[in-house]
């Protein structure tokens, strides 16, 4: 994802929209809410990446203590992060986004739509590059 962000999003070639798809129960919802709390401190992607890296390496539970520890590791304002998480202010947003993604037909994570073209799973950059470049060429040809 970093390379996609660097080469396409940050250069203004494409717009990237992230939707939460919290399908693994309460922990999944809590992790999604925590990422939005991190976003309040301009740290959505670092928090997101840390959570997913930890899930691959350690399979940690996404309980309050773990999520706050991630925030502290990123040097966020832990008190503001705790308050945000306790407020549940992103709960409805996460629920709505998950329903939207499900309605699009996605059944697992990660899943990507590029101008309606579905890319399933964690794919190498080159897979995304090919699809994005094809879509960009089609737009400029019009």
N, C-alpha and C. Protein backbone atom coordinates (compact mmCIF):
# COMPACT_ATOMS: atom_id res chain seq x y z
N UNK A 1 0.82 -1.20 0.00
CA UNK A 1 0.00 0.00 0.00
C UNK A 1 0.85 1.26 0.00
N UNK A 2 2.00 1.19 0.65
CA UNK A 2 2.84 2.39 0.70
C UNK A 2 3.23 2.85 -0.70
N UNK A 3 3.59 1.91 -1.53
CA UNK A 3 4.01 2.28 -2.88
C UNK A 3 2.85 2.83 -3.70
N UNK A 4 1.68 2.28 -3.52
CA UNK A 4 0.49 2.81 -4.21
C UNK A 4 0.24 4.24 -3.76
N UNK A 5 0.32 4.46 -2.46
CA UNK A 5 0.13 5.82 -1.93
C UNK A 5 1.17 6.78 -2.51
N UNK A 6 2.43 6.34 -2.51
CA UNK A 6 3.51 7.20 -2.99
C UNK A 6 3.39 7.51 -4.48
N UNK A 7 3.17 6.49 -5.30
CA UNK A 7 3.23 6.66 -6.75
C UNK A 7 1.93 7.15 -7.38
N UNK A 8 0.81 6.91 -6.72
CA UNK A 8 -0.47 7.27 -7.35
C UNK A 8 -1.27 8.29 -6.55
N UNK A 9 -1.39 8.06 -5.26
CA UNK A 9 -2.24 8.94 -4.45
C UNK A 9 -1.56 10.28 -4.19
N UNK A 10 -0.34 10.24 -3.67
CA UNK A 10 0.37 11.47 -3.32
C UNK A 10 0.73 12.31 -4.54
N UNK A 11 0.79 11.69 -5.71
CA UNK A 11 1.07 12.45 -6.94
C UNK A 11 -0.20 13.00 -7.57
N UNK A 12 -1.36 12.66 -6.99
CA UNK A 12 -2.63 13.18 -7.49
C UNK A 12 -3.19 12.42 -8.68
N UNK A 13 -2.60 11.30 -9.02
CA UNK A 13 -3.08 10.53 -10.17
C UNK A 13 -4.38 9.81 -9.86
N UNK A 14 -4.53 9.36 -8.63
CA UNK A 14 -5.76 8.64 -8.24
C UNK A 14 -6.21 9.11 -6.86
N UNK A 15 -7.46 8.87 -6.61
CA UNK A 15 -8.03 9.12 -5.29
C UNK A 15 -8.21 7.77 -4.62
N UNK A 16 -7.79 7.68 -3.38
CA UNK A 16 -7.89 6.45 -2.62
C UNK A 16 -8.92 6.66 -1.51
N UNK A 17 -9.90 5.80 -1.46
CA UNK A 17 -10.92 5.87 -0.41
C UNK A 17 -10.85 4.57 0.38
N UNK A 18 -10.66 4.70 1.67
CA UNK A 18 -10.58 3.55 2.56
C UNK A 18 -11.91 3.37 3.26
N UNK A 19 -12.45 2.18 3.21
CA UNK A 19 -13.67 1.85 3.95
C UNK A 19 -13.36 0.70 4.89
N UNK A 20 -13.78 0.84 6.11
CA UNK A 20 -13.60 -0.23 7.09
C UNK A 20 -14.51 -1.40 6.74
N UNK A 21 -14.00 -2.59 6.96
CA UNK A 21 -14.80 -3.81 6.77
C UNK A 21 -14.53 -4.70 7.97
N UNK A 22 -15.15 -4.34 9.06
CA UNK A 22 -14.94 -5.01 10.35
C UNK A 22 -15.85 -6.24 10.42
N UNK A 23 -15.31 -7.37 10.00
CA UNK A 23 -16.13 -8.58 9.89
C UNK A 23 -15.75 -9.66 10.89
N UNK A 24 -14.77 -9.38 11.74
CA UNK A 24 -14.30 -10.42 12.65
C UNK A 24 -14.80 -10.23 14.08
N UNK A 25 -15.90 -9.53 14.24
CA UNK A 25 -16.49 -9.38 15.56
C UNK A 25 -16.05 -8.14 16.29
N UNK A 26 -16.31 -8.10 17.60
CA UNK A 26 -16.06 -6.91 18.41
C UNK A 26 -14.63 -6.39 18.34
N UNK A 27 -13.64 -7.30 18.33
CA UNK A 27 -12.24 -6.84 18.26
C UNK A 27 -11.97 -6.11 16.96
N UNK A 28 -12.53 -6.62 15.88
CA UNK A 28 -12.36 -5.99 14.58
C UNK A 28 -12.97 -4.59 14.58
N UNK A 29 -14.16 -4.46 15.13
CA UNK A 29 -14.81 -3.16 15.26
C UNK A 29 -13.97 -2.21 16.10
N UNK A 30 -13.45 -2.73 17.21
CA UNK A 30 -12.67 -1.90 18.13
C UNK A 30 -11.38 -1.41 17.47
N UNK A 31 -10.74 -2.29 16.71
CA UNK A 31 -9.53 -1.90 16.00
C UNK A 31 -9.82 -0.81 14.97
N UNK A 32 -10.95 -0.94 14.28
CA UNK A 32 -11.34 0.07 13.29
C UNK A 32 -11.62 1.40 13.97
N UNK A 33 -12.34 1.36 15.08
CA UNK A 33 -12.62 2.59 15.83
C UNK A 33 -11.32 3.23 16.30
N UNK A 34 -10.40 2.40 16.77
CA UNK A 34 -9.12 2.92 17.25
C UNK A 34 -8.34 3.60 16.13
N UNK A 35 -8.42 3.06 14.93
CA UNK A 35 -7.71 3.70 13.81
C UNK A 35 -8.28 5.08 13.51
N UNK A 36 -9.59 5.24 13.69
CA UNK A 36 -10.20 6.56 13.50
C UNK A 36 -9.79 7.51 14.62
N UNK A 37 -9.63 6.98 15.83
CA UNK A 37 -9.14 7.82 16.93
C UNK A 37 -7.70 8.26 16.64
N UNK A 38 -6.91 7.37 16.07
CA UNK A 38 -5.55 7.73 15.69
C UNK A 38 -5.57 8.78 14.58
N UNK A 39 -6.56 8.69 13.70
CA UNK A 39 -6.69 9.67 12.61
C UNK A 39 -6.90 11.08 13.15
N UNK A 40 -7.56 11.19 14.29
CA UNK A 40 -7.75 12.51 14.91
C UNK A 40 -6.40 13.17 15.23
N UNK A 41 -5.36 12.34 15.35
CA UNK A 41 -4.02 12.85 15.62
C UNK A 41 -3.10 12.67 14.40
N UNK A 42 -3.73 12.64 13.22
CA UNK A 42 -2.99 12.53 11.95
C UNK A 42 -2.14 11.26 11.86
N UNK A 43 -2.64 10.17 12.44
CA UNK A 43 -1.84 8.94 12.45
C UNK A 43 -2.64 7.71 12.01
N UNK A 44 -3.62 7.91 11.11
CA UNK A 44 -4.42 6.77 10.67
C UNK A 44 -3.55 5.68 10.06
N UNK A 45 -2.76 6.02 9.05
CA UNK A 45 -1.98 4.99 8.35
C UNK A 45 -0.91 4.36 9.23
N UNK A 46 -0.15 5.12 10.01
CA UNK A 46 0.81 4.45 10.89
C UNK A 46 0.13 3.50 11.88
N UNK A 47 -1.04 3.91 12.41
CA UNK A 47 -1.77 3.06 13.35
C UNK A 47 -2.29 1.82 12.62
N UNK A 48 -2.94 2.04 11.50
CA UNK A 48 -3.46 0.95 10.67
C UNK A 48 -2.37 -0.07 10.38
N UNK A 49 -1.23 0.42 9.91
CA UNK A 49 -0.13 -0.47 9.53
C UNK A 49 0.41 -1.22 10.73
N UNK A 50 0.50 -0.56 11.88
CA UNK A 50 0.99 -1.21 13.10
C UNK A 50 0.04 -2.32 13.54
N UNK A 51 -1.25 -2.07 13.49
CA UNK A 51 -2.24 -3.09 13.89
C UNK A 51 -2.12 -4.31 12.98
N UNK A 52 -2.07 -4.08 11.67
CA UNK A 52 -2.02 -5.22 10.76
C UNK A 52 -0.69 -5.96 10.85
N UNK A 53 0.40 -5.23 11.05
CA UNK A 53 1.70 -5.89 11.22
C UNK A 53 1.67 -6.77 12.46
N UNK A 54 1.12 -6.24 13.54
CA UNK A 54 1.03 -7.00 14.78
C UNK A 54 0.16 -8.24 14.61
N UNK A 55 -0.94 -8.10 13.87
CA UNK A 55 -1.82 -9.25 13.67
C UNK A 55 -1.11 -10.37 12.92
N UNK A 56 -0.28 -10.00 11.96
CA UNK A 56 0.46 -11.00 11.20
C UNK A 56 1.54 -11.64 12.06
N UNK A 57 2.22 -10.83 12.85
CA UNK A 57 3.36 -11.33 13.62
C UNK A 57 2.98 -11.95 14.95
N UNK A 58 2.03 -11.34 15.67
CA UNK A 58 1.77 -11.73 17.06
C UNK A 58 0.35 -12.19 17.36
N UNK A 59 -0.58 -11.88 16.47
CA UNK A 59 -2.00 -12.20 16.70
C UNK A 59 -2.50 -11.64 18.03
N UNK A 60 -2.06 -10.44 18.37
CA UNK A 60 -2.49 -9.82 19.62
C UNK A 60 -4.00 -9.59 19.63
N UNK A 61 -4.58 -9.60 20.81
CA UNK A 61 -5.98 -9.22 20.91
C UNK A 61 -6.07 -7.71 20.78
N UNK A 62 -7.13 -7.25 20.18
CA UNK A 62 -7.30 -5.81 19.99
C UNK A 62 -8.15 -5.25 21.12
N UNK A 63 -7.71 -5.51 22.34
CA UNK A 63 -8.40 -4.98 23.50
C UNK A 63 -7.90 -3.57 23.80
N UNK A 64 -8.53 -2.93 24.74
CA UNK A 64 -8.21 -1.53 25.10
C UNK A 64 -6.72 -1.37 25.39
N UNK A 65 -6.17 -2.26 26.20
CA UNK A 65 -4.77 -2.15 26.60
C UNK A 65 -3.84 -2.22 25.39
N UNK A 66 -4.10 -3.14 24.48
CA UNK A 66 -3.25 -3.29 23.29
C UNK A 66 -3.36 -2.08 22.38
N UNK A 67 -4.57 -1.61 22.17
CA UNK A 67 -4.78 -0.46 21.28
C UNK A 67 -4.12 0.80 21.84
N UNK A 68 -4.23 1.01 23.13
CA UNK A 68 -3.58 2.16 23.77
C UNK A 68 -2.06 2.01 23.68
N UNK A 69 -1.56 0.79 23.84
CA UNK A 69 -0.12 0.56 23.72
C UNK A 69 0.37 0.91 22.31
N UNK A 70 -0.43 0.58 21.30
CA UNK A 70 -0.08 0.95 19.93
C UNK A 70 -0.03 2.47 19.79
N UNK A 71 -1.02 3.15 20.35
CA UNK A 71 -1.05 4.61 20.29
C UNK A 71 0.18 5.20 20.98
N UNK A 72 0.55 4.66 22.12
CA UNK A 72 1.73 5.14 22.83
C UNK A 72 3.00 4.86 22.04
N UNK A 73 3.05 3.70 21.37
CA UNK A 73 4.21 3.36 20.55
C UNK A 73 4.39 4.38 19.43
N UNK A 74 3.29 4.91 18.93
CA UNK A 74 3.33 5.92 17.88
C UNK A 74 3.45 7.34 18.44
N UNK A 75 3.58 7.42 19.77
CA UNK A 75 3.74 8.69 20.48
C UNK A 75 2.54 9.62 20.29
N UNK A 76 1.34 9.01 20.27
CA UNK A 76 0.12 9.80 20.23
C UNK A 76 -0.21 10.28 21.64
N UNK A 77 -1.11 11.23 21.74
CA UNK A 77 -1.60 11.68 23.04
C UNK A 77 -2.49 10.56 23.57
N UNK A 78 -1.96 9.78 24.48
CA UNK A 78 -2.65 8.58 24.96
C UNK A 78 -3.96 8.91 25.65
N UNK A 79 -4.00 10.00 26.39
CA UNK A 79 -5.23 10.37 27.09
C UNK A 79 -6.33 10.73 26.10
N UNK A 80 -6.01 11.51 25.09
CA UNK A 80 -6.98 11.87 24.06
C UNK A 80 -7.43 10.62 23.30
N UNK A 81 -6.50 9.72 23.05
CA UNK A 81 -6.81 8.47 22.36
C UNK A 81 -7.78 7.63 23.20
N UNK A 82 -7.48 7.49 24.51
CA UNK A 82 -8.36 6.72 25.41
C UNK A 82 -9.77 7.33 25.44
N UNK A 83 -9.83 8.65 25.53
CA UNK A 83 -11.13 9.34 25.60
C UNK A 83 -11.92 9.07 24.31
N UNK A 84 -11.25 9.17 23.19
CA UNK A 84 -11.91 8.92 21.90
C UNK A 84 -12.43 7.49 21.85
N UNK A 85 -11.60 6.54 22.21
CA UNK A 85 -12.00 5.13 22.16
C UNK A 85 -13.17 4.85 23.11
N UNK A 86 -13.13 5.45 24.29
CA UNK A 86 -14.21 5.25 25.27
C UNK A 86 -15.53 5.86 24.80
N UNK A 87 -15.45 6.90 23.96
CA UNK A 87 -16.67 7.59 23.52
C UNK A 87 -17.49 6.79 22.51
N UNK A 88 -16.86 5.83 21.85
CA UNK A 88 -17.52 5.05 20.79
C UNK A 88 -18.05 5.92 19.65
N UNK A 89 -17.47 7.09 19.45
CA UNK A 89 -17.99 8.02 18.46
C UNK A 89 -17.86 7.54 17.02
N UNK A 90 -17.03 6.54 16.77
CA UNK A 90 -16.88 6.04 15.41
C UNK A 90 -17.61 4.71 15.18
N UNK A 91 -18.31 4.25 16.18
CA UNK A 91 -18.98 2.96 16.10
C UNK A 91 -19.98 2.89 14.94
N UNK A 92 -20.83 3.88 14.83
CA UNK A 92 -21.83 3.89 13.76
C UNK A 92 -21.16 4.00 12.39
N UNK A 93 -20.13 4.82 12.27
CA UNK A 93 -19.40 4.95 11.00
C UNK A 93 -18.84 3.59 10.57
N UNK A 94 -18.22 2.87 11.50
CA UNK A 94 -17.62 1.57 11.18
C UNK A 94 -18.71 0.60 10.75
N UNK A 95 -19.82 0.60 11.44
CA UNK A 95 -20.94 -0.28 11.09
C UNK A 95 -21.45 0.04 9.68
N UNK A 96 -21.64 1.32 9.39
CA UNK A 96 -22.16 1.72 8.08
C UNK A 96 -21.18 1.39 6.96
N UNK A 97 -19.91 1.65 7.18
CA UNK A 97 -18.92 1.34 6.15
C UNK A 97 -18.84 -0.16 5.90
N UNK A 98 -18.91 -0.95 6.95
CA UNK A 98 -18.88 -2.41 6.79
C UNK A 98 -20.08 -2.89 5.99
N UNK A 99 -21.25 -2.31 6.23
CA UNK A 99 -22.44 -2.67 5.46
C UNK A 99 -22.30 -2.27 4.00
N UNK A 100 -21.72 -1.10 3.74
CA UNK A 100 -21.50 -0.64 2.37
C UNK A 100 -20.57 -1.58 1.63
N UNK A 101 -19.48 -1.95 2.25
CA UNK A 101 -18.52 -2.85 1.62
C UNK A 101 -19.16 -4.21 1.34
N UNK A 102 -19.91 -4.70 2.29
CA UNK A 102 -20.60 -5.98 2.10
C UNK A 102 -21.57 -5.91 0.93
N UNK A 103 -22.28 -4.79 0.82
CA UNK A 103 -23.25 -4.61 -0.28
C UNK A 103 -22.56 -4.58 -1.64
N UNK A 104 -21.28 -4.20 -1.66
CA UNK A 104 -20.52 -4.19 -2.91
C UNK A 104 -20.09 -5.60 -3.33
N UNK A 105 -20.32 -6.56 -2.45
CA UNK A 105 -20.01 -7.94 -2.77
C UNK A 105 -18.69 -8.45 -2.23
N UNK A 106 -17.95 -7.63 -1.51
CA UNK A 106 -16.71 -8.10 -0.94
C UNK A 106 -17.01 -8.99 0.26
N UNK A 107 -16.23 -10.05 0.41
CA UNK A 107 -16.50 -11.01 1.48
C UNK A 107 -15.32 -11.20 2.44
N UNK A 108 -14.19 -10.63 2.08
CA UNK A 108 -13.02 -10.78 2.92
C UNK A 108 -12.12 -9.58 2.82
N UNK A 109 -11.06 -9.60 3.61
CA UNK A 109 -10.10 -8.51 3.60
C UNK A 109 -8.72 -9.07 3.32
N UNK A 110 -7.88 -8.31 2.69
CA UNK A 110 -8.22 -7.05 2.05
C UNK A 110 -8.91 -7.28 0.71
N UNK A 111 -9.69 -6.32 0.33
CA UNK A 111 -10.35 -6.33 -0.97
C UNK A 111 -10.31 -4.92 -1.52
N UNK A 112 -10.18 -4.81 -2.82
CA UNK A 112 -10.01 -3.50 -3.45
C UNK A 112 -10.89 -3.39 -4.68
N UNK A 113 -11.43 -2.21 -4.88
CA UNK A 113 -12.16 -1.89 -6.11
C UNK A 113 -11.41 -0.75 -6.78
N UNK A 114 -11.05 -0.96 -8.03
CA UNK A 114 -10.39 0.07 -8.82
C UNK A 114 -11.30 0.35 -10.00
N UNK A 115 -12.04 1.45 -9.90
CA UNK A 115 -13.05 1.78 -10.92
C UNK A 115 -13.98 0.61 -11.19
N UNK A 116 -14.39 -0.07 -10.13
CA UNK A 116 -15.32 -1.18 -10.26
C UNK A 116 -14.66 -2.52 -10.51
N UNK A 117 -13.37 -2.54 -10.76
CA UNK A 117 -12.64 -3.80 -10.96
C UNK A 117 -12.18 -4.31 -9.60
N UNK A 118 -12.53 -5.55 -9.28
CA UNK A 118 -12.24 -6.12 -7.97
C UNK A 118 -10.86 -6.78 -7.97
N UNK A 119 -10.07 -6.44 -6.95
CA UNK A 119 -8.79 -7.10 -6.70
C UNK A 119 -8.90 -7.74 -5.33
N UNK A 120 -8.78 -9.04 -5.28
CA UNK A 120 -8.97 -9.78 -4.04
C UNK A 120 -7.64 -10.08 -3.37
N UNK A 121 -7.59 -9.81 -2.08
CA UNK A 121 -6.44 -10.20 -1.28
C UNK A 121 -5.25 -9.27 -1.39
N UNK A 122 -4.24 -9.62 -0.61
CA UNK A 122 -2.99 -8.86 -0.61
C UNK A 122 -2.20 -9.27 -1.85
N UNK A 123 -2.13 -8.38 -2.79
CA UNK A 123 -1.47 -8.65 -4.06
C UNK A 123 -0.19 -7.82 -4.15
N UNK A 124 0.76 -8.25 -4.98
CA UNK A 124 1.95 -7.43 -5.17
C UNK A 124 1.63 -6.12 -5.87
N UNK A 125 2.50 -5.15 -5.69
CA UNK A 125 2.31 -3.83 -6.27
C UNK A 125 2.02 -3.92 -7.76
N UNK A 126 2.70 -4.80 -8.47
CA UNK A 126 2.58 -4.90 -9.92
C UNK A 126 1.15 -5.21 -10.37
N UNK A 127 0.41 -5.96 -9.58
CA UNK A 127 -0.99 -6.25 -9.92
C UNK A 127 -1.81 -4.96 -9.89
N UNK A 128 -1.63 -4.18 -8.84
CA UNK A 128 -2.33 -2.90 -8.73
C UNK A 128 -1.86 -1.94 -9.82
N UNK A 129 -0.57 -1.91 -10.04
CA UNK A 129 0.01 -1.02 -11.05
C UNK A 129 -0.61 -1.27 -12.42
N UNK A 130 -0.74 -2.53 -12.79
CA UNK A 130 -1.31 -2.86 -14.09
C UNK A 130 -2.75 -2.38 -14.21
N UNK A 131 -3.55 -2.67 -13.19
CA UNK A 131 -4.97 -2.27 -13.22
C UNK A 131 -5.10 -0.76 -13.20
N UNK A 132 -4.37 -0.10 -12.33
CA UNK A 132 -4.46 1.36 -12.22
C UNK A 132 -4.01 2.02 -13.52
N UNK A 133 -2.88 1.56 -14.06
CA UNK A 133 -2.39 2.15 -15.31
C UNK A 133 -3.38 1.95 -16.46
N UNK A 134 -4.01 0.77 -16.51
CA UNK A 134 -5.03 0.52 -17.54
C UNK A 134 -6.21 1.47 -17.38
N UNK A 135 -6.64 1.68 -16.15
CA UNK A 135 -7.76 2.58 -15.89
C UNK A 135 -7.41 4.03 -16.20
N UNK A 136 -6.20 4.44 -15.86
CA UNK A 136 -5.75 5.80 -16.17
C UNK A 136 -5.67 6.01 -17.68
N UNK A 137 -5.17 5.01 -18.38
CA UNK A 137 -5.08 5.12 -19.85
C UNK A 137 -6.45 5.20 -20.48
N UNK A 138 -7.42 4.46 -19.94
CA UNK A 138 -8.78 4.49 -20.47
C UNK A 138 -9.41 5.86 -20.27
N UNK A 139 -9.14 6.47 -19.14
CA UNK A 139 -9.69 7.80 -18.84
C UNK A 139 -9.09 8.85 -19.76
N UNK A 140 -7.79 8.81 -19.99
CA UNK A 140 -7.14 9.79 -20.84
C UNK A 140 -7.48 9.58 -22.31
N UNK A 141 -7.87 8.36 -22.68
CA UNK A 141 -8.23 8.07 -24.07
C UNK A 141 -9.63 8.60 -24.42
N UNK A 142 -10.41 8.88 -23.40
CA UNK A 142 -11.80 9.35 -23.64
C UNK A 142 -11.86 10.77 -24.12
